[in-house]
Amino acid sequence: MTKQTLIGILITIVVVVLSNSLFVIRETQRGVLLKFGEVVDPDLKPGIHMKVPFVNSVRKFDGRILTVDSSPERFFTQEKKALIVDSYAKFRVTDTAKYYTATNGEENRAAGLLSQRINDGLRNQVAVRTVQEVVSGQRDQLMQAITSQLNELANAELGVEVIDVRVKKIDLPPDVSESVYRRMNAEREKEARELRSEGKELAEGIRAAADREVTVIEANAFRDAEIVRGNGDAEATRIYADAFNQDPEFYSFTRSLQAYRETFNAGGDVMLLQPDSQFFQYLRNPDSGD
């Protein structure tokens, strides 16, 4: 074996040893150092590290906030009514040694274990609340209680911190939603009938009040008109009386002429009158007024 070949083999061995001795932990990662499968350094800091080849091994985990999406589950409320709840949680690794021991460093396994615990917590919280409280009334309190309990449990068992638990959707089971829809529809129809009835009653009241007001207005207007008309007739009569009192004979003559005009324009062919009737006094004697 030549010297150059030996040097090449030595360089290759050194490169292989170094490549298996050096490793990098990124800022977004957490890691543990193992010796024959046993944890010897549970918290590797970000940066470049060394290990003994074929003796030590390294497991790296994602140190960022992760999401576990639980499958929808059926839970029963305090009234024994079923709800389909779909939820998710945000978590991150805090205790790498415990996380590796509990999950073997597998994110999917950690997500499965967390999902089970989320569903157990939701089941317990929903069971002591009504549908109204779960859907809207105490939803925030429910999420806070689950997050607190789950964080304590997950930290002790899995070495992870649960940051938040949220409910994405709450549905009624298909066998219940139809009956609920029918009941809600019947309630809305009943409410609509009541509103229509109240509206019709209110309309009748408004119409009656308007008719009554119209009658009162017309009566008052007729009264005022009659008063004005009476006053006008009285004033006209007074004016006529004052005018005719200045020359009574002229007034009598004018009235006779008016009577002649109305009589002769009536279209009758026969008139029966006494020869000495007062009706023709001005025709017989034009000076009879003197």
Foldseek 3Di string as FASTA:
>chain_A
DDPVVVVVVVVVVVVVQVVQFKDFAAPQKFKFKDFVRHTDRFTDDGDMGTDGGPGIDMAIAGQDKDKQWAAWDWAAALVRFIKTWTKMWIKGAAGRNLQCVQQVRDPVSLSVVLNVLLVVLLNVLRHHHDPCCCVPVVVVVSFVVSQVVSQVVCCVRNRMGTDTMDIPDMGGPPVVVVVVVVVVVVVVVVVVVVVVVVVVVVVVVVVVVVVVVVVVVVVVVVVVVVVVVVVVVVVVVVVVCVVCVVPVLVVVVVVLVVVVVVVVVPPDDDDDDDPPDPSCPCVVPVVVSD
